[in-house]
């Protein structure tokens, strides 16, 4: 059987990173790093500056070849696949980069139709129809389809980029700082949209962020990168109790306490409205 068609069983992780090593010259970013993403969960990845959060994401999606270790995605060990097989696996990914990475010369409808035309081989008319469906899915109005990225607010760019990431109905969504540059209201709306879509569509999410509000509002588990590996991965409450100076400063400093209070208030309001 073609290994690129392997699929993990329901109780298996959709991503398994084993003994990962990443180096840039003599500088070691990751050494013996292990991490898993469970099916259907939203996993938040955090860490101090230089801990290689985005490097880890790029290693998993194939934009950087690791110097050691193995990355298994959807039942396939990536470094054992040929180019054709890797391409088949990568079509089961959706990726949203920090700045959106939309093509400035294309309107939103064309941006989202592009992967449908190139990878799914859909006729342009069908691809553009599906593009409008995806834009509606992320909460953008119909008239946004013909707008160009430069005319959009930051929040609209993020939603449009999410629509493009969802174009091929991915099984795994990779997000790199998705709320960076958004105001608190826009960021909170994006977090809620992500959870809603995950619940409806059932994909798994690997989310690199520094946003404490996102961790509390959207993530099922949190992984902390430190000392070139994963220091701890667990629910946010258990991670926040970890005896580590950076973890304590991050989760229990002023911004961490504010995020905790906001999450507690939101949870209380949601409960009382049920």
C-alpha atoms as a PDB file:
ATOM      1  CA  UNK A   1       0.000   0.000   0.000  1.00  0.00           C
ATOM      2  CA  UNK A   2       1.191   3.506  -0.757  1.00  0.00           C
ATOM      3  CA  UNK A   3       2.560   4.785   2.568  1.00  0.00           C
ATOM      4  CA  UNK A   4       1.290   8.277   1.817  1.00  0.00           C
ATOM      5  CA  UNK A   5      -2.232   6.929   2.143  1.00  0.00           C
ATOM      6  CA  UNK A   6      -1.731   5.647   5.686  1.00  0.00           C
ATOM      7  CA  UNK A   7      -4.085   7.061   8.282  1.00  0.00           C
ATOM      8  CA  UNK A   8      -3.720   6.925  12.065  1.00  0.00           C
ATOM      9  CA  UNK A   9      -6.337   5.065  14.057  1.00  0.00           C
ATOM     10  CA  UNK A  10      -8.802   7.135  16.147  1.00  0.00           C
ATOM     11  CA  UNK A  11      -6.758   6.724  19.345  1.00  0.00           C
ATOM     12  CA  UNK A  12      -3.416   7.537  17.656  1.00  0.00           C
ATOM     13  CA  UNK A  13      -1.827  10.992  17.477  1.00  0.00           C
ATOM     14  CA  UNK A  14      -2.012  12.746  14.122  1.00  0.00           C
ATOM     15  CA  UNK A  15       1.519  14.113  14.694  1.00  0.00           C
ATOM     16  CA  UNK A  16       4.376  12.442  16.539  1.00  0.00           C
ATOM     17  CA  UNK A  17       7.709  14.256  16.806  1.00  0.00           C
ATOM     18  CA  UNK A  18      10.453  11.948  18.085  1.00  0.00           C
ATOM     19  CA  UNK A  19      13.958  13.010  19.087  1.00  0.00           C
ATOM     20  CA  UNK A  20      13.883  16.077  16.824  1.00  0.00           C
ATOM     21  CA  UNK A  21      17.150  17.940  16.249  1.00  0.00           C
ATOM     22  CA  UNK A  22      17.350  21.335  14.529  1.00  0.00           C
ATOM     23  CA  UNK A  23      20.587  23.243  14.046  1.00  0.00           C
ATOM     24  CA  UNK A  24      21.665  26.389  12.239  1.00  0.00           C
ATOM     25  CA  UNK A  25      25.412  26.014  11.893  1.00  0.00           C
ATOM     26  CA  UNK A  26      26.796  25.480  15.373  1.00  0.00           C
ATOM     27  CA  UNK A  27      23.634  26.829  17.012  1.00  0.00           C
ATOM     28  CA  UNK A  28      21.384  24.051  18.306  1.00  0.00           C
ATOM     29  CA  UNK A  29      17.706  25.065  18.445  1.00  0.00           C
ATOM     30  CA  UNK A  30      16.133  21.687  19.267  1.00  0.00           C
ATOM     31  CA  UNK A  31      17.740  18.571  20.687  1.00  0.00           C
ATOM     32  CA  UNK A  32      15.895  15.333  21.387  1.00  0.00           C
ATOM     33  CA  UNK A  33      12.500  17.088  21.236  1.00  0.00           C
ATOM     34  CA  UNK A  34       9.386  14.912  21.549  1.00  0.00           C
ATOM     35  CA  UNK A  35       5.804  16.101  21.038  1.00  0.00           C
ATOM     36  CA  UNK A  36       2.435  14.717  19.936  1.00  0.00           C
ATOM     37  CA  UNK A  37      -0.728  16.285  18.551  1.00  0.00           C
ATOM     38  CA  UNK A  38      -3.868  14.319  19.338  1.00  0.00           C
ATOM     39  CA  UNK A  39      -6.689  13.876  16.862  1.00  0.00           C
ATOM     40  CA  UNK A  40      -9.217  16.721  17.121  1.00  0.00           C
ATOM     41  CA  UNK A  41      -7.354  18.797  19.715  1.00  0.00           C
ATOM     42  CA  UNK A  42      -6.049  22.349  19.647  1.00  0.00           C
ATOM     43  CA  UNK A  43      -2.466  22.297  20.915  1.00  0.00           C
ATOM     44  CA  UNK A  44      -0.862  25.625  21.804  1.00  0.00           C
ATOM     45  CA  UNK A  45       2.937  25.875  21.573  1.00  0.00           C
ATOM     46  CA  UNK A  46       4.638  28.603  23.605  1.00  0.00           C
ATOM     47  CA  UNK A  47       8.129  29.478  24.740  1.00  0.00           C
ATOM     48  CA  UNK A  48      10.562  32.313  25.204  1.00  0.00           C
ATOM     49  CA  UNK A  49      12.343  34.108  22.380  1.00  0.00           C
ATOM     50  CA  UNK A  50      14.735  31.805  20.554  1.00  0.00           C
ATOM     51  CA  UNK A  51      13.143  28.537  21.654  1.00  0.00           C
ATOM     52  CA  UNK A  52      12.259  27.667  18.058  1.00  0.00           C
ATOM     53  CA  UNK A  53       8.464  27.645  18.046  1.00  0.00           C
ATOM     54  CA  UNK A  54       8.158  28.575  14.392  1.00  0.00           C
ATOM     55  CA  UNK A  55      11.152  26.390  13.498  1.00  0.00           C
ATOM     56  CA  UNK A  56       9.300  23.430  14.996  1.00  0.00           C
ATOM     57  CA  UNK A  57       6.205  24.206  12.943  1.00  0.00           C
ATOM     58  CA  UNK A  58       8.276  24.567   9.776  1.00  0.00           C
ATOM     59  CA  UNK A  59       9.986  21.240  10.463  1.00  0.00           C
ATOM     60  CA  UNK A  60       6.643  19.468  10.747  1.00  0.00           C
ATOM     61  CA  UNK A  61       5.108  20.958   7.592  1.00  0.00           C
ATOM     62  CA  UNK A  62       8.259  20.270   5.568  1.00  0.00           C
ATOM     63  CA  UNK A  63       9.624  23.791   5.099  1.00  0.00           C
ATOM     64  CA  UNK A  64      12.780  22.883   7.058  1.00  0.00           C
ATOM     65  CA  UNK A  65      14.470  19.514   6.989  1.00  0.00           C
ATOM     66  CA  UNK A  66      15.409  18.479  10.558  1.00  0.00           C
ATOM     67  CA  UNK A  67      19.013  17.556  11.335  1.00  0.00           C
ATOM     68  CA  UNK A  68      17.903  14.511  13.274  1.00  0.00           C
ATOM     69  CA  UNK A  69      14.966  12.624  14.705  1.00  0.00           C
ATOM     70  CA  UNK A  70      11.700  11.786  12.981  1.00  0.00           C
ATOM     71  CA  UNK A  71       8.393  13.489  12.263  1.00  0.00           C
ATOM     72  CA  UNK A  72       5.386  11.216  11.782  1.00  0.00           C
ATOM     73  CA  UNK A  73       2.263  12.868  10.378  1.00  0.00           C
ATOM     74  CA  UNK A  74      -1.043  11.086   9.735  1.00  0.00           C
ATOM     75  CA  UNK A  75       0.638   7.709  10.098  1.00  0.00           C
ATOM     76  CA  UNK A  76       3.552   8.521   7.779  1.00  0.00           C
ATOM     77  CA  UNK A  77       7.210   9.134   8.664  1.00  0.00           C
ATOM     78  CA  UNK A  78       7.958  12.135   6.476  1.00  0.00           C
ATOM     79  CA  UNK A  79      11.645  11.479   5.843  1.00  0.00           C
ATOM     80  CA  UNK A  80      10.766   8.032   4.458  1.00  0.00           C
ATOM     81  CA  UNK A  81       8.463   9.413   1.741  1.00  0.00           C
ATOM     82  CA  UNK A  82       9.394  10.376  -1.787  1.00  0.00           C
ATOM     83  CA  UNK A  83       8.435  13.773  -3.196  1.00  0.00           C
ATOM     84  CA  UNK A  84       5.117  12.563  -4.616  1.00  0.00           C
ATOM     85  CA  UNK A  85       4.088  10.923  -1.351  1.00  0.00           C
ATOM     86  CA  UNK A  86       5.085  13.993   0.682  1.00  0.00           C
ATOM     87  CA  UNK A  87       2.994  16.150  -1.623  1.00  0.00           C
ATOM     88  CA  UNK A  88      -0.014  13.914  -1.009  1.00  0.00           C
ATOM     89  CA  UNK A  89       0.406  14.271   2.759  1.00  0.00           C
ATOM     90  CA  UNK A  90       0.950  18.023   2.599  1.00  0.00           C
ATOM     91  CA  UNK A  91      -2.389  18.457   0.812  1.00  0.00           C
ATOM     92  CA  UNK A  92      -3.975  17.256   4.053  1.00  0.00           C
ATOM     93  CA  UNK A  93      -2.464  20.292   5.850  1.00  0.00           C
ATOM     94  CA  UNK A  94      -3.742  23.842   6.100  1.00  0.00           C
ATOM     95  CA  UNK A  95      -1.226  26.530   7.072  1.00  0.00           C
ATOM     96  CA  UNK A  96      -1.821  30.093   8.239  1.00  0.00           C
ATOM     97  CA  UNK A  97       1.350  32.140   8.528  1.00  0.00           C
ATOM     98  CA  UNK A  98       1.718  35.099  10.869  1.00  0.00           C
ATOM     99  CA  UNK A  99       1.215  37.801   8.226  1.00  0.00           C
ATOM    100  CA  UNK A 100      -1.437  35.902   6.304  1.00  0.00           C
ATOM    101  CA  UNK A 101       0.766  35.464   3.196  1.00  0.00           C
ATOM    102  CA  UNK A 102      -2.084  36.279   0.812  1.00  0.00           C
ATOM    103  CA  UNK A 103      -1.151  37.154  -2.767  1.00  0.00           C
ATOM    104  CA  UNK A 104      -1.529  40.920  -3.011  1.00  0.00           C
ATOM    105  CA  UNK A 105      -2.255  40.828  -6.763  1.00  0.00           C
ATOM    106  CA  UNK A 106      -5.256  38.507  -6.319  1.00  0.00           C
ATOM    107  CA  UNK A 107      -8.606  39.272  -4.711  1.00  0.00           C
ATOM    108  CA  UNK A 108      -9.795  37.068  -1.859  1.00  0.00           C
ATOM    109  CA  UNK A 109     -11.864  34.810  -4.075  1.00  0.00           C
ATOM    110  CA  UNK A 110      -8.861  34.219  -6.341  1.00  0.00           C
ATOM    111  CA  UNK A 111      -6.520  33.668  -3.377  1.00  0.00           C
ATOM    112  CA  UNK A 112      -8.701  30.893  -2.009  1.00  0.00           C
ATOM    113  CA  UNK A 113      -9.565  29.382  -5.397  1.00  0.00           C
ATOM    114  CA  UNK A 114      -5.884  29.001  -6.303  1.00  0.00           C
ATOM    115  CA  UNK A 115      -5.132  25.829  -4.269  1.00  0.00           C
ATOM    116  CA  UNK A 116      -8.445  24.354  -5.407  1.00  0.00           C
ATOM    117  CA  UNK A 117      -7.433  24.852  -9.049  1.00  0.00           C
ATOM    118  CA  UNK A 118      -3.794  23.786  -8.632  1.00  0.00           C
ATOM    119  CA  UNK A 119      -4.175  20.831  -6.267  1.00  0.00           C
ATOM    120  CA  UNK A 120      -7.791  19.679  -6.544  1.00  0.00           C
ATOM    121  CA  UNK A 121      -7.867  20.386 -10.316  1.00  0.00           C
ATOM    122  CA  UNK A 122     -11.267  22.044 -10.096  1.00  0.00           C
ATOM    123  CA  UNK A 123     -12.569  24.196 -12.952  1.00  0.00           C
ATOM    124  CA  UNK A 124     -12.204  27.886 -12.141  1.00  0.00           C
ATOM    125  CA  UNK A 125     -15.963  28.446 -11.825  1.00  0.00           C
ATOM    126  CA  UNK A 126     -16.314  25.625  -9.277  1.00  0.00           C
ATOM    127  CA  UNK A 127     -13.196  26.707  -7.411  1.00  0.00           C
ATOM    128  CA  UNK A 128     -14.424  30.287  -7.090  1.00  0.00           C
ATOM    129  CA  UNK A 129     -17.821  29.083  -5.872  1.00  0.00           C
ATOM    130  CA  UNK A 130     -16.124  27.014  -3.157  1.00  0.00           C
ATOM    131  CA  UNK A 131     -13.894  29.994  -2.346  1.00  0.00           C
ATOM    132  CA  UNK A 132     -16.995  32.085  -1.604  1.00  0.00           C
ATOM    133  CA  UNK A 133     -18.301  29.270   0.614  1.00  0.00           C
ATOM    134  CA  UNK A 134     -15.025  29.246   2.584  1.00  0.00           C
ATOM    135  CA  UNK A 135     -15.132  33.021   2.993  1.00  0.00           C
ATOM    136  CA  UNK A 136     -18.657  32.756   4.388  1.00  0.00           C
ATOM    137  CA  UNK A 137     -17.487  29.951   6.686  1.00  0.00           C
ATOM    138  CA  UNK A 138     -14.980  32.267   8.381  1.00  0.00           C
ATOM    139  CA  UNK A 139     -17.543  35.046   8.747  1.00  0.00           C
ATOM    140  CA  UNK A 140     -16.646  37.384   5.888  1.00  0.00           C
ATOM    141  CA  UNK A 141     -19.459  39.074   3.947  1.00  0.00           C
ATOM    142  CA  UNK A 142     -20.131  38.200   0.271  1.00  0.00           C
ATOM    143  CA  UNK A 143     -18.727  41.493  -0.994  1.00  0.00           C
ATOM    144  CA  UNK A 144     -15.324  40.668   0.519  1.00  0.00           C
ATOM    145  CA  UNK A 145     -14.740  38.073  -2.212  1.00  0.00           C
ATOM    146  CA  UNK A 146     -13.732  40.723  -4.755  1.00  0.00           C
ATOM    147  CA  UNK A 147     -11.629  42.817  -2.395  1.00  0.00           C
ATOM    148  CA  UNK A 148      -7.831  42.805  -2.434  1.00  0.00           C
ATOM    149  CA  UNK A 149      -5.760  42.146   0.712  1.00  0.00           C
ATOM    150  CA  UNK A 150      -4.415  45.708   0.911  1.00  0.00           C
ATOM    151  CA  UNK A 151      -7.949  47.086   1.372  1.00  0.00           C
ATOM    152  CA  UNK A 152      -8.727  44.845   4.366  1.00  0.00           C
ATOM    153  CA  UNK A 153      -8.398  45.301   8.109  1.00  0.00           C
ATOM    154  CA  UNK A 154      -6.006  43.037   9.993  1.00  0.00           C
ATOM    155  CA  UNK A 155      -8.866  40.921  11.277  1.00  0.00           C
ATOM    156  CA  UNK A 156     -10.284  40.419   7.794  1.00  0.00           C
ATOM    157  CA  UNK A 157      -6.849  39.414   6.466  1.00  0.00           C
ATOM    158  CA  UNK A 158      -6.560  36.776   9.189  1.00  0.00           C
ATOM    159  CA  UNK A 159     -10.010  35.401   8.396  1.00  0.00           C
ATOM    160  CA  UNK A 160      -9.256  35.351   4.681  1.00  0.00           C
ATOM    161  CA  UNK A 161      -5.971  33.557   5.330  1.00  0.00           C
ATOM    162  CA  UNK A 162      -7.863  31.045   7.475  1.00  0.00           C
ATOM    163  CA  UNK A 163     -10.341  30.516   4.637  1.00  0.00           C
ATOM    164  CA  UNK A 164      -7.450  29.745   2.295  1.00  0.00           C
ATOM    165  CA  UNK A 165      -5.912  27.368   4.848  1.00  0.00           C
ATOM    166  CA  UNK A 166      -9.254  25.540   4.940  1.00  0.00           C
ATOM    167  CA  UNK A 167      -9.640  25.472   1.144  1.00  0.00           C
ATOM    168  CA  UNK A 168      -8.700  21.801   0.743  1.00  0.00           C
ATOM    169  CA  UNK A 169     -10.573  20.620   3.870  1.00  0.00           C
ATOM    170  CA  UNK A 170      -7.389  19.805   5.816  1.00  0.00           C
ATOM    171  CA  UNK A 171      -7.128  17.263   8.598  1.00  0.00           C
ATOM    172  CA  UNK A 172      -4.480  19.340  10.399  1.00  0.00           C
ATOM    173  CA  UNK A 173      -4.382  23.123  10.639  1.00  0.00           C
ATOM    174  CA  UNK A 174      -1.057  24.834  11.428  1.00  0.00           C
ATOM    175  CA  UNK A 175      -1.292  28.393  12.761  1.00  0.00           C
ATOM    176  CA  UNK A 176       1.720  30.653  13.383  1.00  0.00           C
ATOM    177  CA  UNK A 177       0.814  33.552  15.701  1.00  0.00           C
ATOM    178  CA  UNK A 178      -2.716  33.867  14.248  1.00  0.00           C
ATOM    179  CA  UNK A 179      -3.797  36.744  16.503  1.00  0.00           C
ATOM    180  CA  UNK A 180      -0.590  38.804  16.214  1.00  0.00           C
ATOM    181  CA  UNK A 181      -1.388  42.392  15.277  1.00  0.00           C
ATOM    182  CA  UNK A 182      -5.080  42.130  16.102  1.00  0.00           C
ATOM    183  CA  UNK A 183      -6.835  44.273  18.692  1.00  0.00           C
ATOM    184  CA  UNK A 184      -8.233  42.385  21.710  1.00  0.00           C
ATOM    185  CA  UNK A 185     -11.773  42.242  20.303  1.00  0.00           C
ATOM    186  CA  UNK A 186     -10.582  40.944  16.932  1.00  0.00           C
ATOM    187  CA  UNK A 187      -8.276  38.421  18.591  1.00  0.00           C
ATOM    188  CA  UNK A 188     -11.057  37.113  20.837  1.00  0.00           C
ATOM    189  CA  UNK A 189     -13.378  36.767  17.831  1.00  0.00           C
ATOM    190  CA  UNK A 190     -10.699  34.812  15.955  1.00  0.00           C
ATOM    191  CA  UNK A 191     -10.170  32.479  18.931  1.00  0.00           C
ATOM    192  CA  UNK A 192     -13.893  31.750  19.125  1.00  0.00           C
ATOM    193  CA  UNK A 193     -14.077  31.199  15.366  1.00  0.00           C
ATOM    194  CA  UNK A 194     -11.228  28.688  15.545  1.00  0.00           C
ATOM    195  CA  UNK A 195     -12.919  26.672  18.289  1.00  0.00           C
ATOM    196  CA  UNK A 196     -16.261  26.770  16.476  1.00  0.00           C
ATOM    197  CA  UNK A 197     -14.730  25.526  13.223  1.00  0.00           C
ATOM    198  CA  UNK A 198     -12.723  22.817  14.980  1.00  0.00           C
ATOM    199  CA  UNK A 199     -15.877  21.580  16.706  1.00  0.00           C
ATOM    200  CA  UNK A 200     -17.837  21.613  13.447  1.00  0.00           C
ATOM    201  CA  UNK A 201     -15.212  20.223  11.066  1.00  0.00           C
ATOM    202  CA  UNK A 202     -13.173  17.994  13.370  1.00  0.00           C
ATOM    203  CA  UNK A 203      -9.661  18.981  12.294  1.00  0.00           C
ATOM    204  CA  UNK A 204      -6.637  19.074  14.628  1.00  0.00           C
ATOM    205  CA  UNK A 205      -4.755  22.317  15.303  1.00  0.00           C
ATOM    206  CA  UNK A 206      -1.050  22.965  15.929  1.00  0.00           C
ATOM    207  CA  UNK A 207      -0.963  26.582  17.115  1.00  0.00           C
ATOM    208  CA  UNK A 208       2.174  28.619  17.784  1.00  0.00           C
ATOM    209  CA  UNK A 209       1.310  31.673  19.867  1.00  0.00           C
ATOM    210  CA  UNK A 210       2.440  34.049  22.574  1.00  0.00           C
ATOM    211  CA  UNK A 211      -1.138  35.189  23.250  1.00  0.00           C
ATOM    212  CA  UNK A 212      -2.243  34.109  26.726  1.00  0.00           C
ATOM    213  CA  UNK A 213      -5.879  34.851  25.929  1.00  0.00           C
ATOM    214  CA  UNK A 214      -5.706  32.406  23.008  1.00  0.00           C
ATOM    215  CA  UNK A 215      -4.229  29.700  25.249  1.00  0.00           C
ATOM    216  CA  UNK A 216      -7.072  30.028  27.748  1.00  0.00           C
ATOM    217  CA  UNK A 217      -9.856  30.482  25.204  1.00  0.00           C
ATOM    218  CA  UNK A 218      -8.948  27.951  22.532  1.00  0.00           C
ATOM    219  CA  UNK A 219      -6.341  25.369  23.542  1.00  0.00           C
ATOM    220  CA  UNK A 220      -7.008  21.899  24.925  1.00  0.00           C
ATOM    221  CA  UNK A 221      -3.347  21.435  25.835  1.00  0.00           C
ATOM    222  CA  UNK A 222      -0.275  23.658  25.964  1.00  0.00           C
ATOM    223  CA  UNK A 223       3.336  22.696  25.214  1.00  0.00           C
ATOM    224  CA  UNK A 224       6.174  24.851  26.570  1.00  0.00           C
ATOM    225  CA  UNK A 225       9.466  24.867  24.660  1.00  0.00           C
ATOM    226  CA  UNK A 226      12.535  25.415  26.825  1.00  0.00           C
ATOM    227  CA  UNK A 227      16.103  24.163  26.984  1.00  0.00           C
ATOM    228  CA  UNK A 228      15.899  22.920  23.359  1.00  0.00           C
ATOM    229  CA  UNK A 229      13.006  20.545  24.011  1.00  0.00           C
ATOM    230  CA  UNK A 230       9.435  20.354  25.334  1.00  0.00           C
ATOM    231  CA  UNK A 231       9.626  21.221  29.025  1.00  0.00           C
ATOM    232  CA  UNK A 232       5.998  20.314  29.750  1.00  0.00           C
ATOM    233  CA  UNK A 233       2.810  19.578  27.816  1.00  0.00           C
ATOM    234  CA  UNK A 234      -0.555  19.343  29.562  1.00  0.00           C
ATOM    235  CA  UNK A 235      -3.755  21.258  30.226  1.00  0.00           C
ATOM    236  CA  UNK A 236      -3.141  24.940  30.794  1.00  0.00           C
ATOM    237  CA  UNK A 237      -3.865  24.795  34.539  1.00  0.00           C
ATOM    238  CA  UNK A 238      -1.312  22.029  35.058  1.00  0.00           C
ATOM    239  CA  UNK A 239       1.260  23.725  32.840  1.00  0.00           C
ATOM    240  CA  UNK A 240       0.832  26.971  34.787  1.00  0.00           C
ATOM    241  CA  UNK A 241       1.766  25.099  37.987  1.00  0.00           C
ATOM    242  CA  UNK A 242       5.115  23.918  36.566  1.00  0.00           C
ATOM    243  CA  UNK A 243       8.081  24.807  38.756  1.00  0.00           C
ATOM    244  CA  UNK A 244      10.009  26.809  36.179  1.00  0.00           C
ATOM    245  CA  UNK A 245      10.955  30.489  36.319  1.00  0.00           C
ATOM    246  CA  UNK A 246       9.837  31.338  32.764  1.00  0.00           C
ATOM    247  CA  UNK A 247       6.555  29.445  33.142  1.00  0.00           C
ATOM    248  CA  UNK A 248       5.783  31.173  36.429  1.00  0.00           C
ATOM    249  CA  UNK A 249       6.605  34.626  35.046  1.00  0.00           C
ATOM    250  CA  UNK A 250       4.585  33.984  31.889  1.00  0.00           C
ATOM    251  CA  UNK A 251       1.439  32.502  33.386  1.00  0.00           C
ATOM    252  CA  UNK A 252       1.374  34.329  36.723  1.00  0.00           C
ATOM    253  CA  UNK A 253       2.596  37.787  35.724  1.00  0.00           C
ATOM    254  CA  UNK A 254       0.151  40.691  35.205  1.00  0.00           C
ATOM    255  CA  UNK A 255      -0.891  39.592  31.713  1.00  0.00           C
ATOM    256  CA  UNK A 256      -1.284  35.994  32.789  1.00  0.00           C
ATOM    257  CA  UNK A 257      -3.512  36.965  35.704  1.00  0.00           C
ATOM    258  CA  UNK A 258      -5.594  39.196  33.422  1.00  0.00           C
ATOM    259  CA  UNK A 259      -6.050  36.324  30.950  1.00  0.00           C
ATOM    260  CA  UNK A 260      -7.115  33.998  33.761  1.00  0.00           C
ATOM    261  CA  UNK A 261      -9.691  36.496  35.026  1.00  0.00           C
ATOM    262  CA  UNK A 262     -11.063  37.103  31.528  1.00  0.00           C
ATOM    263  CA  UNK A 263     -11.388  33.363  30.881  1.00  0.00           C
ATOM    264  CA  UNK A 264     -13.082  32.808  34.248  1.00  0.00           C
ATOM    265  CA  UNK A 265     -15.552  35.634  33.560  1.00  0.00           C
ATOM    266  CA  UNK A 266     -16.318  34.294  30.066  1.00  0.00           C
ATOM    267  CA  UNK A 267     -16.844  30.765  31.419  1.00  0.00           C
ATOM    268  CA  UNK A 268     -19.190  32.045  34.118  1.00  0.00           C
ATOM    269  CA  UNK A 269     -21.235  34.061  31.618  1.00  0.00           C
ATOM    270  CA  UNK A 270     -21.445  31.133  29.216  1.00  0.00           C
ATOM    271  CA  UNK A 271     -22.623  28.855  32.008  1.00  0.00           C
ATOM    272  CA  UNK A 272     -25.304  31.245  33.270  1.00  0.00           C
ATOM    273  CA  UNK A 273     -26.690  31.690  29.726  1.00  0.00           C
ATOM    274  CA  UNK A 274     -27.163  27.974  29.148  1.00  0.00           C
END
